[in-house]
């Protein structure tokens, strides 16, 4: 049986990650980089409370694009702003906490 290090409850009963998702203010915006390449940037996710590696892997596979986790933000190749919002909502983030620019 796995126990959560934060609350001490078993992993099946733990709600730490759910609470963390509800308090995140996520910004999704487009940024131009070298050679006119577009990158979708997702910032505002606390990587101490949320597994950003797992989230990034899910986003990359669902959107069929490359990406990386740099400096506390997720960068995805291409313009995926509106698709990212749908995936984040399915991942458990509240819709009103996601801002798309």
PDB file of N, CA and C in Angstrom:
ATOM      1  N   UNK A   1       0.846  -1.176   0.000  1.00  0.00           N
ATOM      2  CA  UNK A   1       0.000   0.000   0.000  1.00  0.00           C
ATOM      3  C   UNK A   1       0.891   1.239   0.000  1.00  0.00           C
ATOM      4  N   UNK A   2       0.648   2.124  -0.949  1.00  0.00           N
ATOM      5  CA  UNK A   2       1.400   3.376  -1.039  1.00  0.00           C
ATOM      6  C   UNK A   2       0.716   4.440  -0.194  1.00  0.00           C
ATOM      7  N   UNK A   3       1.544   5.245   0.489  1.00  0.00           N
ATOM      8  CA  UNK A   3       1.029   6.315   1.339  1.00  0.00           C
ATOM      9  C   UNK A   3       1.529   7.648   0.806  1.00  0.00           C
ATOM     10  N   UNK A   4       0.636   8.630   0.771  1.00  0.00           N
ATOM     11  CA  UNK A   4       0.979   9.972   0.310  1.00  0.00           C
ATOM     12  C   UNK A   4       1.907  10.639   1.323  1.00  0.00           C
ATOM     13  N   UNK A   5       3.044  11.192   0.865  1.00  0.00           N
ATOM     14  CA  UNK A   5       3.963  11.838   1.808  1.00  0.00           C
ATOM     15  C   UNK A   5       3.426  13.160   2.370  1.00  0.00           C
ATOM     16  N   UNK A   6       2.455  13.770   1.699  1.00  0.00           N
ATOM     17  CA  UNK A   6       1.913  15.054   2.164  1.00  0.00           C
ATOM     18  C   UNK A   6       0.879  14.883   3.265  1.00  0.00           C
ATOM     19  N   UNK A   7      -0.149  14.068   2.981  1.00  0.00           N
ATOM     20  CA  UNK A   7      -1.265  13.967   3.926  1.00  0.00           C
ATOM     21  C   UNK A   7      -1.240  12.706   4.782  1.00  0.00           C
ATOM     22  N   UNK A   8      -0.449  11.707   4.394  1.00  0.00           N
ATOM     23  CA  UNK A   8      -0.352  10.485   5.177  1.00  0.00           C
ATOM     24  C   UNK A   8      -1.464   9.490   4.910  1.00  0.00           C
ATOM     25  N   UNK A   9      -2.351   9.798   3.968  1.00  0.00           N
ATOM     26  CA  UNK A   9      -3.430   8.880   3.613  1.00  0.00           C
ATOM     27  C   UNK A   9      -2.959   7.914   2.530  1.00  0.00           C
ATOM     28  N   UNK A  10      -3.634   6.778   2.388  1.00  0.00           N
ATOM     29  CA  UNK A  10      -3.314   5.888   1.268  1.00  0.00           C
ATOM     30  C   UNK A  10      -3.563   6.595  -0.063  1.00  0.00           C
ATOM     31  N   UNK A  11      -2.806   6.234  -1.081  1.00  0.00           N
ATOM     32  CA  UNK A  11      -2.903   6.883  -2.401  1.00  0.00           C
ATOM     33  C   UNK A  11      -4.329   6.844  -2.962  1.00  0.00           C
ATOM     34  N   UNK A  12      -5.088   5.765  -2.660  1.00  0.00           N
ATOM     35  CA  UNK A  12      -6.451   5.655  -3.179  1.00  0.00           C
ATOM     36  C   UNK A  12      -7.365   6.720  -2.586  1.00  0.00           C
ATOM     37  N   UNK A  13      -7.105   7.170  -1.365  1.00  0.00           N
ATOM     38  CA  UNK A  13      -7.941   8.161  -0.690  1.00  0.00           C
ATOM     39  C   UNK A  13      -7.389   9.578  -0.762  1.00  0.00           C
ATOM     40  N   UNK A  14      -6.170   9.727  -1.213  1.00  0.00           N
ATOM     41  CA  UNK A  14      -5.493  11.021  -1.229  1.00  0.00           C
ATOM     42  C   UNK A  14      -6.130  11.952  -2.259  1.00  0.00           C
ATOM     43  N   UNK A  15      -6.316  13.210  -1.857  1.00  0.00           N
ATOM     44  CA  UNK A  15      -6.882  14.216  -2.755  1.00  0.00           C
ATOM     45  C   UNK A  15      -5.925  15.392  -2.942  1.00  0.00           C
ATOM     46  N   UNK A  16      -4.672  15.230  -2.568  1.00  0.00           N
ATOM     47  CA  UNK A  16      -3.690  16.315  -2.663  1.00  0.00           C
ATOM     48  C   UNK A  16      -3.544  16.830  -4.097  1.00  0.00           C
ATOM     49  N   UNK A  17      -3.435  15.915  -5.061  1.00  0.00           N
ATOM     50  CA  UNK A  17      -3.247  16.323  -6.458  1.00  0.00           C
ATOM     51  C   UNK A  17      -4.498  16.993  -7.013  1.00  0.00           C
ATOM     52  N   UNK A  18      -5.676  16.532  -6.598  1.00  0.00           N
ATOM     53  CA  UNK A  18      -6.922  17.152  -7.048  1.00  0.00           C
ATOM     54  C   UNK A  18      -7.022  18.585  -6.540  1.00  0.00           C
ATOM     55  N   UNK A  19      -6.667  18.792  -5.280  1.00  0.00           N
ATOM     56  CA  UNK A  19      -6.690  20.139  -4.709  1.00  0.00           C
ATOM     57  C   UNK A  19      -5.658  21.023  -5.408  1.00  0.00           C
ATOM     58  N   UNK A  20      -4.491  20.466  -5.686  1.00  0.00           N
ATOM     59  CA  UNK A  20      -3.441  21.232  -6.372  1.00  0.00           C
ATOM     60  C   UNK A  20      -3.893  21.660  -7.764  1.00  0.00           C
ATOM     61  N   UNK A  21      -4.609  20.796  -8.472  1.00  0.00           N
ATOM     62  CA  UNK A  21      -5.086  21.138  -9.814  1.00  0.00           C
ATOM     63  C   UNK A  21      -6.105  22.262  -9.773  1.00  0.00           C
ATOM     64  N   UNK A  22      -6.916  22.307  -8.733  1.00  0.00           N
ATOM     65  CA  UNK A  22      -7.959  23.327  -8.645  1.00  0.00           C
ATOM     66  C   UNK A  22      -7.408  24.703  -8.315  1.00  0.00           C
ATOM     67  N   UNK A  23      -6.193  24.792  -7.791  1.00  0.00           N
ATOM     68  CA  UNK A  23      -5.634  26.085  -7.390  1.00  0.00           C
ATOM     69  C   UNK A  23      -4.640  26.644  -8.402  1.00  0.00           C
ATOM     70  N   UNK A  24      -4.382  25.959  -9.486  1.00  0.00           N
ATOM     71  CA  UNK A  24      -3.411  26.401 -10.487  1.00  0.00           C
ATOM     72  C   UNK A  24      -4.039  27.415 -11.433  1.00  0.00           C
ATOM     73  N   UNK A  25      -3.335  28.512 -11.705  1.00  0.00           N
ATOM     74  CA  UNK A  25      -3.746  29.484 -12.734  1.00  0.00           C
ATOM     75  C   UNK A  25      -2.851  29.246 -13.942  1.00  0.00           C
ATOM     76  N   UNK A  26      -3.389  28.611 -14.955  1.00  0.00           N
ATOM     77  CA  UNK A  26      -2.609  28.181 -16.113  1.00  0.00           C
ATOM     78  C   UNK A  26      -2.799  29.170 -17.259  1.00  0.00           C
ATOM     79  N   UNK A  27      -1.687  29.550 -17.879  1.00  0.00           N
ATOM     80  CA  UNK A  27      -1.724  30.426 -19.053  1.00  0.00           C
ATOM     81  C   UNK A  27      -1.201  29.637 -20.250  1.00  0.00           C
ATOM     82  N   UNK A  28      -1.950  29.681 -21.334  1.00  0.00           N
ATOM     83  CA  UNK A  28      -1.564  29.024 -22.589  1.00  0.00           C
ATOM     84  C   UNK A  28      -1.457  30.123 -23.637  1.00  0.00           C
ATOM     85  N   UNK A  29      -0.268  30.261 -24.227  1.00  0.00           N
ATOM     86  CA  UNK A  29      -0.063  31.319 -25.213  1.00  0.00           C
ATOM     87  C   UNK A  29       0.917  30.857 -26.281  1.00  0.00           C
ATOM     88  N   UNK A  30       0.977  31.625 -27.364  1.00  0.00           N
ATOM     89  CA  UNK A  30       1.829  31.305 -28.503  1.00  0.00           C
ATOM     90  C   UNK A  30       3.064  32.191 -28.471  1.00  0.00           C
ATOM     91  N   UNK A  31       4.206  31.592 -28.781  1.00  0.00           N
ATOM     92  CA  UNK A  31       5.469  32.329 -28.805  1.00  0.00           C
ATOM     93  C   UNK A  31       6.221  31.967 -30.089  1.00  0.00           C
ATOM     94  N   UNK A  32       6.799  32.973 -30.739  1.00  0.00           N
ATOM     95  CA  UNK A  32       7.600  32.729 -31.939  1.00  0.00           C
ATOM     96  C   UNK A  32       9.057  32.607 -31.541  1.00  0.00           C
ATOM     97  N   UNK A  33       9.714  31.596 -32.087  1.00  0.00           N
ATOM     98  CA  UNK A  33      11.129  31.374 -31.794  1.00  0.00           C
ATOM     99  C   UNK A  33      11.924  31.493 -33.092  1.00  0.00           C
ATOM    100  N   UNK A  34      13.116  30.933 -33.089  1.00  0.00           N
ATOM    101  CA  UNK A  34      14.012  31.009 -34.239  1.00  0.00           C
ATOM    102  C   UNK A  34      13.361  30.498 -35.514  1.00  0.00           C
ATOM    103  N   UNK A  35      13.713  31.123 -36.606  1.00  0.00           N
ATOM    104  CA  UNK A  35      13.295  30.722 -37.949  1.00  0.00           C
ATOM    105  C   UNK A  35      11.774  30.718 -38.118  1.00  0.00           C
ATOM    106  N   UNK A  36      11.066  31.541 -37.356  1.00  0.00           N
ATOM    107  CA  UNK A  36       9.625  31.680 -37.499  1.00  0.00           C
ATOM    108  C   UNK A  36       8.814  30.507 -36.977  1.00  0.00           C
ATOM    109  N   UNK A  37       9.405  29.686 -36.124  1.00  0.00           N
ATOM    110  CA  UNK A  37       8.700  28.527 -35.570  1.00  0.00           C
ATOM    111  C   UNK A  37       7.777  28.974 -34.441  1.00  0.00           C
ATOM    112  N   UNK A  38       6.566  28.426 -34.413  1.00  0.00           N
ATOM    113  CA  UNK A  38       5.609  28.726 -33.352  1.00  0.00           C
ATOM    114  C   UNK A  38       5.694  27.670 -32.263  1.00  0.00           C
ATOM    115  N   UNK A  39       5.604  28.108 -31.022  1.00  0.00           N
ATOM    116  CA  UNK A  39       5.587  27.212 -29.877  1.00  0.00           C
ATOM    117  C   UNK A  39       4.403  27.566 -28.997  1.00  0.00           C
ATOM    118  N   UNK A  40       3.662  26.568 -28.559  1.00  0.00           N
ATOM    119  CA  UNK A  40       2.595  26.762 -27.592  1.00  0.00           C
ATOM    120  C   UNK A  40       3.222  26.616 -26.213  1.00  0.00           C
ATOM    121  N   UNK A  41       3.094  27.649 -25.389  1.00  0.00           N
ATOM    122  CA  UNK A  41       3.693  27.671 -24.066  1.00  0.00           C
ATOM    123  C   UNK A  41       2.589  27.504 -23.022  1.00  0.00           C
ATOM    124  N   UNK A  42       2.810  26.591 -22.075  1.00  0.00           N
ATOM    125  CA  UNK A  42       1.884  26.380 -20.969  1.00  0.00           C
ATOM    126  C   UNK A  42       2.646  26.713 -19.693  1.00  0.00           C
ATOM    127  N   UNK A  43       2.217  27.773 -19.014  1.00  0.00           N
ATOM    128  CA  UNK A  43       2.908  28.182 -17.795  1.00  0.00           C
ATOM    129  C   UNK A  43       1.920  28.270 -16.643  1.00  0.00           C
ATOM    130  N   UNK A  44       2.454  28.298 -15.431  1.00  0.00           N
ATOM    131  CA  UNK A  44       1.621  28.415 -14.237  1.00  0.00           C
ATOM    132  C   UNK A  44       1.330  27.102 -13.559  1.00  0.00           C
ATOM    133  N   UNK A  45       1.898  26.012 -14.056  1.00  0.00           N
ATOM    134  CA  UNK A  45       1.695  24.713 -13.418  1.00  0.00           C
ATOM    135  C   UNK A  45       2.831  24.490 -12.428  1.00  0.00           C
ATOM    136  N   UNK A  46       2.489  24.243 -11.178  1.00  0.00           N
ATOM    137  CA  UNK A  46       3.490  24.023 -10.130  1.00  0.00           C
ATOM    138  C   UNK A  46       4.008  22.592 -10.253  1.00  0.00           C
ATOM    139  N   UNK A  47       5.258  22.447 -10.652  1.00  0.00           N
ATOM    140  CA  UNK A  47       5.801  21.107 -10.880  1.00  0.00           C
ATOM    141  C   UNK A  47       6.133  20.372  -9.576  1.00  0.00           C
ATOM    142  N   UNK A  48       5.994  21.012  -8.429  1.00  0.00           N
ATOM    143  CA  UNK A  48       6.194  20.323  -7.158  1.00  0.00           C
ATOM    144  C   UNK A  48       4.958  19.522  -6.775  1.00  0.00           C
ATOM    145  N   UNK A  49       3.786  20.000  -7.198  1.00  0.00           N
ATOM    146  CA  UNK A  49       2.538  19.349  -6.832  1.00  0.00           C
ATOM    147  C   UNK A  49       1.932  18.520  -7.954  1.00  0.00           C
ATOM    148  N   UNK A  50       2.248  18.855  -9.195  1.00  0.00           N
ATOM    149  CA  UNK A  50       1.701  18.163 -10.369  1.00  0.00           C
ATOM    150  C   UNK A  50       2.858  17.500 -11.115  1.00  0.00           C
ATOM    151  N   UNK A  51       2.635  16.286 -11.593  1.00  0.00           N
ATOM    152  CA  UNK A  51       3.658  15.577 -12.359  1.00  0.00           C
ATOM    153  C   UNK A  51       3.668  16.131 -13.790  1.00  0.00           C
ATOM    154  N   UNK A  52       4.544  17.128 -14.028  1.00  0.00           N
ATOM    155  CA  UNK A  52       4.570  17.785 -15.341  1.00  0.00           C
ATOM    156  C   UNK A  52       5.131  16.869 -16.423  1.00  0.00           C
ATOM    157  N   UNK A  53       5.993  15.942 -16.060  1.00  0.00           N
ATOM    158  CA  UNK A  53       6.530  14.994 -17.055  1.00  0.00           C
ATOM    159  C   UNK A  53       5.406  14.138 -17.630  1.00  0.00           C
ATOM    160  N   UNK A  54       4.534  13.652 -16.763  1.00  0.00           N
ATOM    161  CA  UNK A  54       3.408  12.823 -17.212  1.00  0.00           C
ATOM    162  C   UNK A  54       2.442  13.653 -18.059  1.00  0.00           C
ATOM    163  N   UNK A  55       2.178  14.883 -17.613  1.00  0.00           N
ATOM    164  CA  UNK A  55       1.290  15.782 -18.354  1.00  0.00           C
ATOM    165  C   UNK A  55       1.867  16.093 -19.725  1.00  0.00           C
ATOM    166  N   UNK A  56       3.171  16.384 -19.788  1.00  0.00           N
ATOM    167  CA  UNK A  56       3.819  16.702 -21.053  1.00  0.00           C
ATOM    168  C   UNK A  56       3.770  15.502 -22.006  1.00  0.00           C
ATOM    169  N   UNK A  57       4.005  14.316 -21.473  1.00  0.00           N
ATOM    170  CA  UNK A  57       3.967  13.106 -22.307  1.00  0.00           C
ATOM    171  C   UNK A  57       2.566  12.894 -22.893  1.00  0.00           C
ATOM    172  N   UNK A  58       1.542  13.134 -22.091  1.00  0.00           N
ATOM    173  CA  UNK A  58       0.161  12.995 -22.566  1.00  0.00           C
ATOM    174  C   UNK A  58      -0.145  14.024 -23.646  1.00  0.00           C
ATOM    175  N   UNK A  59       0.263  15.276 -23.410  1.00  0.00           N
ATOM    176  CA  UNK A  59       0.030  16.335 -24.396  1.00  0.00           C
ATOM    177  C   UNK A  59       0.740  16.029 -25.708  1.00  0.00           C
ATOM    178  N   UNK A  60       1.984  15.596 -25.641  1.00  0.00           N
ATOM    179  CA  UNK A  60       2.746  15.302 -26.858  1.00  0.00           C
ATOM    180  C   UNK A  60       2.112  14.165 -27.651  1.00  0.00           C
ATOM    181  N   UNK A  61       1.632  13.134 -26.969  1.00  0.00           N
ATOM    182  CA  UNK A  61       1.046  12.006 -27.690  1.00  0.00           C
ATOM    183  C   UNK A  61      -0.327  12.357 -28.264  1.00  0.00           C
ATOM    184  N   UNK A  62      -1.138  13.119 -27.532  1.00  0.00           N
ATOM    185  CA  UNK A  62      -2.470  13.465 -28.027  1.00  0.00           C
ATOM    186  C   UNK A  62      -2.424  14.495 -29.156  1.00  0.00           C
ATOM    187  N   UNK A  63      -1.440  15.396 -29.110  1.00  0.00           N
ATOM    188  CA  UNK A  63      -1.349  16.450 -30.119  1.00  0.00           C
ATOM    189  C   UNK A  63      -0.372  16.109 -31.248  1.00  0.00           C
ATOM    190  N   UNK A  64       0.312  14.988 -31.134  1.00  0.00           N
ATOM    191  CA  UNK A  64       1.262  14.526 -32.150  1.00  0.00           C
ATOM    192  C   UNK A  64       2.296  15.600 -32.468  1.00  0.00           C
ATOM    193  N   UNK A  65       2.976  16.066 -31.427  1.00  0.00           N
ATOM    194  CA  UNK A  65       3.993  17.093 -31.626  1.00  0.00           C
ATOM    195  C   UNK A  65       5.144  16.855 -30.658  1.00  0.00           C
ATOM    196  N   UNK A  66       6.229  17.576 -30.881  1.00  0.00           N
ATOM    197  CA  UNK A  66       7.357  17.518 -29.974  1.00  0.00           C
ATOM    198  C   UNK A  66       7.189  18.556 -28.882  1.00  0.00           C
ATOM    199  N   UNK A  67       7.936  18.382 -27.809  1.00  0.00           N
ATOM    200  CA  UNK A  67       7.838  19.351 -26.738  1.00  0.00           C
ATOM    201  C   UNK A  67       8.876  19.110 -25.665  1.00  0.00           C
ATOM    202  N   UNK A  68       8.964  20.055 -24.732  1.00  0.00           N
ATOM    203  CA  UNK A  68       9.929  19.949 -23.643  1.00  0.00           C
ATOM    204  C   UNK A  68       9.381  20.642 -22.404  1.00  0.00           C
ATOM    205  N   UNK A  69      10.008  20.358 -21.285  1.00  0.00           N
ATOM    206  CA  UNK A  69       9.658  20.953 -20.005  1.00  0.00           C
ATOM    207  C   UNK A  69      10.842  21.803 -19.567  1.00  0.00           C
ATOM    208  N   UNK A  70      10.732  23.127 -19.748  1.00  0.00           N
ATOM    209  CA  UNK A  70      11.837  24.034 -19.442  1.00  0.00           C
ATOM    210  C   UNK A  70      11.410  25.088 -18.442  1.00  0.00           C
ATOM    211  N   UNK A  71      12.236  25.335 -17.467  1.00  0.00           N
ATOM    212  CA  UNK A  71      12.073  26.458 -16.539  1.00  0.00           C
ATOM    213  C   UNK A  71      10.663  26.539 -15.954  1.00  0.00           C
ATOM    214  N   UNK A  72      10.086  25.421 -15.612  1.00  0.00           N
ATOM    215  CA  UNK A  72       8.757  25.410 -15.008  1.00  0.00           C
ATOM    216  C   UNK A  72       7.613  25.640 -15.968  1.00  0.00           C
ATOM    217  N   UNK A  73       7.859  25.519 -17.260  1.00  0.00           N
ATOM    218  CA  UNK A  73       6.792  25.663 -18.249  1.00  0.00           C
ATOM    219  C   UNK A  73       6.940  24.588 -19.305  1.00  0.00           C
ATOM    220  N   UNK A  74       5.845  24.262 -19.969  1.00  0.00           N
ATOM    221  CA  UNK A  74       5.838  23.237 -21.006  1.00  0.00           C
ATOM    222  C   UNK A  74       5.799  23.937 -22.353  1.00  0.00           C
ATOM    223  N   UNK A  75       6.699  23.534 -23.258  1.00  0.00           N
ATOM    224  CA  UNK A  75       6.748  24.101 -24.605  1.00  0.00           C
ATOM    225  C   UNK A  75       6.402  22.999 -25.601  1.00  0.00           C
ATOM    226  N   UNK A  76       5.404  23.257 -26.441  1.00  0.00           N
ATOM    227  CA  UNK A  76       4.996  22.313 -27.481  1.00  0.00           C
ATOM    228  C   UNK A  76       5.204  22.952 -28.846  1.00  0.00           C
ATOM    229  N   UNK A  77       5.718  22.183 -29.792  1.00  0.00           N
ATOM    230  CA  UNK A  77       5.969  22.699 -31.131  1.00  0.00           C
ATOM    231  C   UNK A  77       4.653  22.845 -31.884  1.00  0.00           C
ATOM    232  N   UNK A  78       4.427  24.032 -32.444  1.00  0.00           N
ATOM    233  CA  UNK A  78       3.220  24.293 -33.223  1.00  0.00           C
ATOM    234  C   UNK A  78       2.187  25.079 -32.425  1.00  0.00           C
ATOM    235  N   UNK A  79       1.112  25.457 -33.103  1.00  0.00           N
ATOM    236  CA  UNK A  79       0.031  26.212 -32.480  1.00  0.00           C
ATOM    237  C   UNK A  79      -1.063  25.236 -32.048  1.00  0.00           C
ATOM    238  N   UNK A  80      -1.122  24.926 -30.766  1.00  0.00           N
ATOM    239  CA  UNK A  80      -2.089  23.965 -30.224  1.00  0.00           C
ATOM    240  C   UNK A  80      -2.876  24.574 -29.067  1.00  0.00           C
ATOM    241  N   UNK A  81      -3.037  25.881 -29.048  1.00  0.00           N
ATOM    242  CA  UNK A  81      -3.624  26.566 -27.893  1.00  0.00           C
ATOM    243  C   UNK A  81      -4.996  26.031 -27.501  1.00  0.00           C
ATOM    244  N   UNK A  82      -5.912  25.892 -28.447  1.00  0.00           N
ATOM    245  CA  UNK A  82      -7.274  25.483 -28.108  1.00  0.00           C
ATOM    246  C   UNK A  82      -7.367  23.985 -27.833  1.00  0.00           C
ATOM    247  N   UNK A  83      -6.550  23.202 -28.505  1.00  0.00           N
ATOM    248  CA  UNK A  83      -6.533  21.767 -28.243  1.00  0.00           C
ATOM    249  C   UNK A  83      -5.946  21.480 -26.859  1.00  0.00           C
ATOM    250  N   UNK A  84      -4.947  22.264 -26.459  1.00  0.00           N
ATOM    251  CA  UNK A  84      -4.312  22.088 -25.152  1.00  0.00           C
ATOM    252  C   UNK A  84      -5.331  22.314 -24.043  1.00  0.00           C
ATOM    253  N   UNK A  85      -6.189  23.310 -24.211  1.00  0.00           N
ATOM    254  CA  UNK A  85      -7.196  23.598 -23.189  1.00  0.00           C
ATOM    255  C   UNK A  85      -8.123  22.400 -22.998  1.00  0.00           C
ATOM    256  N   UNK A  86      -8.550  21.773 -24.089  1.00  0.00           N
ATOM    257  CA  UNK A  86      -9.415  20.593 -23.998  1.00  0.00           C
ATOM    258  C   UNK A  86      -8.728  19.448 -23.268  1.00  0.00           C
ATOM    259  N   UNK A  87      -7.448  19.231 -23.567  1.00  0.00           N
ATOM    260  CA  UNK A  87      -6.702  18.141 -22.930  1.00  0.00           C
ATOM    261  C   UNK A  87      -6.507  18.431 -21.439  1.00  0.00           C
ATOM    262  N   UNK A  88      -6.205  19.681 -21.095  1.00  0.00           N
ATOM    263  CA  UNK A  88      -6.025  20.044 -19.690  1.00  0.00           C
ATOM    264  C   UNK A  88      -7.318  19.862 -18.896  1.00  0.00           C
ATOM    265  N   UNK A  89      -8.446  20.163 -19.500  1.00  0.00           N
ATOM    266  CA  UNK A  89      -9.737  19.962 -18.833  1.00  0.00           C
ATOM    267  C   UNK A  89      -9.979  18.471 -18.603  1.00  0.00           C
ATOM    268  N   UNK A  90      -9.661  17.644 -19.585  1.00  0.00           N
ATOM    269  CA  UNK A  90      -9.796  16.195 -19.413  1.00  0.00           C
ATOM    270  C   UNK A  90      -8.832  15.659 -18.364  1.00  0.00           C
ATOM    271  N   UNK A  91      -7.689  16.326 -18.200  1.00  0.00           N
ATOM    272  CA  UNK A  91      -6.676  15.914 -17.225  1.00  0.00           C
ATOM    273  C   UNK A  91      -7.092  16.288 -15.798  1.00  0.00           C
ATOM    274  N   UNK A  92      -8.139  17.113 -15.647  1.00  0.00           N
ATOM    275  CA  UNK A  92      -8.663  17.430 -14.324  1.00  0.00           C
ATOM    276  C   UNK A  92      -8.510  18.871 -13.876  1.00  0.00           C
ATOM    277  N   UNK A  93      -8.002  19.738 -14.740  1.00  0.00           N
ATOM    278  CA  UNK A  93      -7.877  21.148 -14.396  1.00  0.00           C
ATOM    279  C   UNK A  93      -9.209  21.847 -14.660  1.00  0.00           C
ATOM    280  N   UNK A  94      -9.651  22.756 -13.773  1.00  0.00           N
ATOM    281  CA  UNK A  94     -10.924  23.451 -14.001  1.00  0.00           C
ATOM    282  C   UNK A  94     -10.836  24.429 -15.179  1.00  0.00           C
ATOM    283  N   UNK A  95     -11.913  24.507 -15.941  1.00  0.00           N
ATOM    284  CA  UNK A  95     -11.939  25.317 -17.163  1.00  0.00           C
ATOM    285  C   UNK A  95     -11.729  26.800 -16.879  1.00  0.00           C
ATOM    286  N   UNK A  96     -12.250  27.299 -15.767  1.00  0.00           N
ATOM    287  CA  UNK A  96     -12.142  28.726 -15.480  1.00  0.00           C
ATOM    288  C   UNK A  96     -10.746  29.140 -15.015  1.00  0.00           C
ATOM    289  N   UNK A  97      -9.851  28.190 -14.732  1.00  0.00           N
ATOM    290  CA  UNK A  97      -8.486  28.498 -14.307  1.00  0.00           C
ATOM    291  C   UNK A  97      -7.499  28.454 -15.470  1.00  0.00           C
ATOM    292  N   UNK A  98      -7.973  28.147 -16.689  1.00  0.00           N
ATOM    293  CA  UNK A  98      -7.108  28.067 -17.862  1.00  0.00           C
ATOM    294  C   UNK A  98      -7.362  29.288 -18.738  1.00  0.00           C
ATOM    295  N   UNK A  99      -6.331  30.081 -18.947  1.00  0.00           N
ATOM    296  CA  UNK A  99      -6.439  31.294 -19.765  1.00  0.00           C
ATOM    297  C   UNK A  99      -5.683  31.075 -21.071  1.00  0.00           C
ATOM    298  N   UNK A 100      -6.394  31.194 -22.192  1.00  0.00           N
ATOM    299  CA  UNK A 100      -5.791  31.030 -23.512  1.00  0.00           C
ATOM    300  C   UNK A 100      -5.691  32.396 -24.168  1.00  0.00           C
ATOM    301  N   UNK A 101      -4.488  32.746 -24.605  1.00  0.00           N
ATOM    302  CA  UNK A 101      -4.277  34.040 -25.280  1.00  0.00           C
ATOM    303  C   UNK A 101      -4.017  33.814 -26.750  1.00  0.00           C
TER     304      UNK A 101
END
